[in-house]
């Protein structure tokens, strides 16, 4: 749960996706669809409520608490840290 999936490397090297992630292409597509749908719903609620900050806090709280019960503190904290790292990298790339 929460592992980073490096799709560009898998595709570039012409190796099966399973070699990199342990996931099949169908599983990756299913997970991407869930992620995209949840993000679209949260953006919609943030727009309707006109309060993106409150929606972000509610979504984060729900996700982190659920992950804690499913995977424990260490895995949840690690995942949250990787999310922040990704956001910082994206911000750095957008500046450059």
C-alpha atoms as a PDB file:
ATOM      1  CA  UNK A   1       0.000   0.000   0.000  1.00  0.00           C
ATOM      2  CA  UNK A   2       1.281   3.424  -0.852  1.00  0.00           C
ATOM      3  CA  UNK A   3       4.292   2.284  -2.813  1.00  0.00           C
ATOM      4  CA  UNK A   4       5.427   4.511  -5.653  1.00  0.00           C
ATOM      5  CA  UNK A   5       4.707   3.087  -9.097  1.00  0.00           C
ATOM      6  CA  UNK A   6       7.315   4.048 -11.688  1.00  0.00           C
ATOM      7  CA  UNK A   7       5.356   3.519 -14.882  1.00  0.00           C
ATOM      8  CA  UNK A   8       7.671   5.443 -17.241  1.00  0.00           C
ATOM      9  CA  UNK A   9      10.647   3.212 -16.342  1.00  0.00           C
ATOM     10  CA  UNK A  10       8.604   0.052 -16.752  1.00  0.00           C
ATOM     11  CA  UNK A  11       7.408   1.134 -20.171  1.00  0.00           C
ATOM     12  CA  UNK A  12      10.798   2.425 -21.320  1.00  0.00           C
ATOM     13  CA  UNK A  13      12.564  -0.787 -20.415  1.00  0.00           C
ATOM     14  CA  UNK A  14       9.912  -2.942 -22.122  1.00  0.00           C
ATOM     15  CA  UNK A  15       9.698  -5.088 -19.010  1.00  0.00           C
ATOM     16  CA  UNK A  16       6.452  -6.391 -17.532  1.00  0.00           C
ATOM     17  CA  UNK A  17       4.908  -4.109 -14.958  1.00  0.00           C
ATOM     18  CA  UNK A  18       4.981  -6.926 -12.408  1.00  0.00           C
ATOM     19  CA  UNK A  19       8.806  -6.717 -12.368  1.00  0.00           C
ATOM     20  CA  UNK A  20       8.602  -3.219 -10.859  1.00  0.00           C
ATOM     21  CA  UNK A  21       5.531  -3.112  -8.661  1.00  0.00           C
ATOM     22  CA  UNK A  22       4.061  -6.549  -8.169  1.00  0.00           C
ATOM     23  CA  UNK A  23       0.899  -5.165  -9.818  1.00  0.00           C
ATOM     24  CA  UNK A  24      -0.632  -6.088 -13.141  1.00  0.00           C
ATOM     25  CA  UNK A  25      -1.496  -3.390 -15.662  1.00  0.00           C
ATOM     26  CA  UNK A  26      -5.208  -3.920 -14.867  1.00  0.00           C
ATOM     27  CA  UNK A  27      -4.558  -3.401 -11.143  1.00  0.00           C
ATOM     28  CA  UNK A  28      -2.618  -0.194 -11.835  1.00  0.00           C
ATOM     29  CA  UNK A  29      -5.410   1.082 -14.080  1.00  0.00           C
ATOM     30  CA  UNK A  30      -8.013   0.263 -11.404  1.00  0.00           C
ATOM     31  CA  UNK A  31      -6.006   2.091  -8.711  1.00  0.00           C
ATOM     32  CA  UNK A  32      -5.459   5.104 -10.979  1.00  0.00           C
ATOM     33  CA  UNK A  33      -9.197   5.264 -11.741  1.00  0.00           C
ATOM     34  CA  UNK A  34     -10.047   5.188  -8.027  1.00  0.00           C
ATOM     35  CA  UNK A  35      -7.487   7.918  -7.303  1.00  0.00           C
ATOM     36  CA  UNK A  36      -8.717  10.104 -10.151  1.00  0.00           C
ATOM     37  CA  UNK A  37     -12.394   9.640  -9.213  1.00  0.00           C
ATOM     38  CA  UNK A  38     -11.791  10.458  -5.548  1.00  0.00           C
ATOM     39  CA  UNK A  39      -9.796  13.569  -6.477  1.00  0.00           C
ATOM     40  CA  UNK A  40     -12.563  14.687  -8.860  1.00  0.00           C
ATOM     41  CA  UNK A  41     -15.202  14.218  -6.134  1.00  0.00           C
ATOM     42  CA  UNK A  42     -13.136  16.140  -3.597  1.00  0.00           C
ATOM     43  CA  UNK A  43     -12.573  18.984  -6.075  1.00  0.00           C
ATOM     44  CA  UNK A  44     -16.310  19.071  -6.754  1.00  0.00           C
ATOM     45  CA  UNK A  45     -17.170  19.232  -3.029  1.00  0.00           C
ATOM     46  CA  UNK A  46     -14.505  21.906  -2.477  1.00  0.00           C
ATOM     47  CA  UNK A  47     -16.093  23.970  -5.245  1.00  0.00           C
ATOM     48  CA  UNK A  48     -19.659  23.486  -4.049  1.00  0.00           C
ATOM     49  CA  UNK A  49     -18.777  24.276  -0.432  1.00  0.00           C
ATOM     50  CA  UNK A  50     -16.362  27.045  -1.456  1.00  0.00           C
ATOM     51  CA  UNK A  51     -14.011  25.824   1.229  1.00  0.00           C
ATOM     52  CA  UNK A  52     -11.141  23.792  -0.244  1.00  0.00           C
ATOM     53  CA  UNK A  53      -9.153  23.951   2.988  1.00  0.00           C
ATOM     54  CA  UNK A  54     -11.873  22.278   5.056  1.00  0.00           C
ATOM     55  CA  UNK A  55     -12.363  19.608   2.388  1.00  0.00           C
ATOM     56  CA  UNK A  56      -8.609  18.953   2.358  1.00  0.00           C
ATOM     57  CA  UNK A  57      -8.504  18.583   6.137  1.00  0.00           C
ATOM     58  CA  UNK A  58     -11.518  16.263   6.154  1.00  0.00           C
ATOM     59  CA  UNK A  59     -10.120  14.106   3.348  1.00  0.00           C
ATOM     60  CA  UNK A  60      -6.670  13.932   4.957  1.00  0.00           C
ATOM     61  CA  UNK A  61      -8.134  13.018   8.327  1.00  0.00           C
ATOM     62  CA  UNK A  62     -10.281  10.282   6.814  1.00  0.00           C
ATOM     63  CA  UNK A  63      -7.410   8.868   4.767  1.00  0.00           C
ATOM     64  CA  UNK A  64      -4.780   8.968   7.492  1.00  0.00           C
ATOM     65  CA  UNK A  65      -7.048   7.467  10.125  1.00  0.00           C
ATOM     66  CA  UNK A  66      -8.177   4.689   7.790  1.00  0.00           C
ATOM     67  CA  UNK A  67      -4.594   3.927   6.771  1.00  0.00           C
ATOM     68  CA  UNK A  68      -3.533   3.836  10.426  1.00  0.00           C
ATOM     69  CA  UNK A  69      -6.174   1.206  11.212  1.00  0.00           C
ATOM     70  CA  UNK A  70      -5.253  -0.811   8.106  1.00  0.00           C
ATOM     71  CA  UNK A  71      -1.446  -0.518   8.141  1.00  0.00           C
ATOM     72  CA  UNK A  72      -0.277   1.020  11.412  1.00  0.00           C
ATOM     73  CA  UNK A  73       1.492   4.202  12.385  1.00  0.00           C
ATOM     74  CA  UNK A  74       4.857   3.696  10.680  1.00  0.00           C
ATOM     75  CA  UNK A  75       3.411   2.856   7.263  1.00  0.00           C
ATOM     76  CA  UNK A  76       0.921   5.725   7.490  1.00  0.00           C
ATOM     77  CA  UNK A  77       3.580   8.266   8.478  1.00  0.00           C
ATOM     78  CA  UNK A  78       5.863   7.003   5.721  1.00  0.00           C
ATOM     79  CA  UNK A  79       3.097   7.351   3.133  1.00  0.00           C
ATOM     80  CA  UNK A  80       2.250  10.884   4.312  1.00  0.00           C
ATOM     81  CA  UNK A  81       5.934  11.813   4.116  1.00  0.00           C
ATOM     82  CA  UNK A  82       6.210  10.489   0.558  1.00  0.00           C
ATOM     83  CA  UNK A  83       3.124  12.488  -0.422  1.00  0.00           C
ATOM     84  CA  UNK A  84       4.725  15.668   0.914  1.00  0.00           C
ATOM     85  CA  UNK A  85       8.001  14.828  -0.852  1.00  0.00           C
ATOM     86  CA  UNK A  86       6.087  14.399  -4.120  1.00  0.00           C
ATOM     87  CA  UNK A  87       4.291  17.729  -3.655  1.00  0.00           C
ATOM     88  CA  UNK A  88       7.604  19.490  -2.985  1.00  0.00           C
ATOM     89  CA  UNK A  89       9.192  17.919  -6.071  1.00  0.00           C
ATOM     90  CA  UNK A  90       6.233  18.972  -8.216  1.00  0.00           C
ATOM     91  CA  UNK A  91       6.474  22.511  -6.840  1.00  0.00           C
ATOM     92  CA  UNK A  92      10.213  22.635  -7.557  1.00  0.00           C
ATOM     93  CA  UNK A  93       9.659  21.381 -11.118  1.00  0.00           C
ATOM     94  CA  UNK A  94       6.953  23.968 -11.760  1.00  0.00           C
ATOM     95  CA  UNK A  95       9.332  26.763 -10.684  1.00  0.00           C
ATOM     96  CA  UNK A  96      12.231  25.596 -12.818  1.00  0.00           C
END
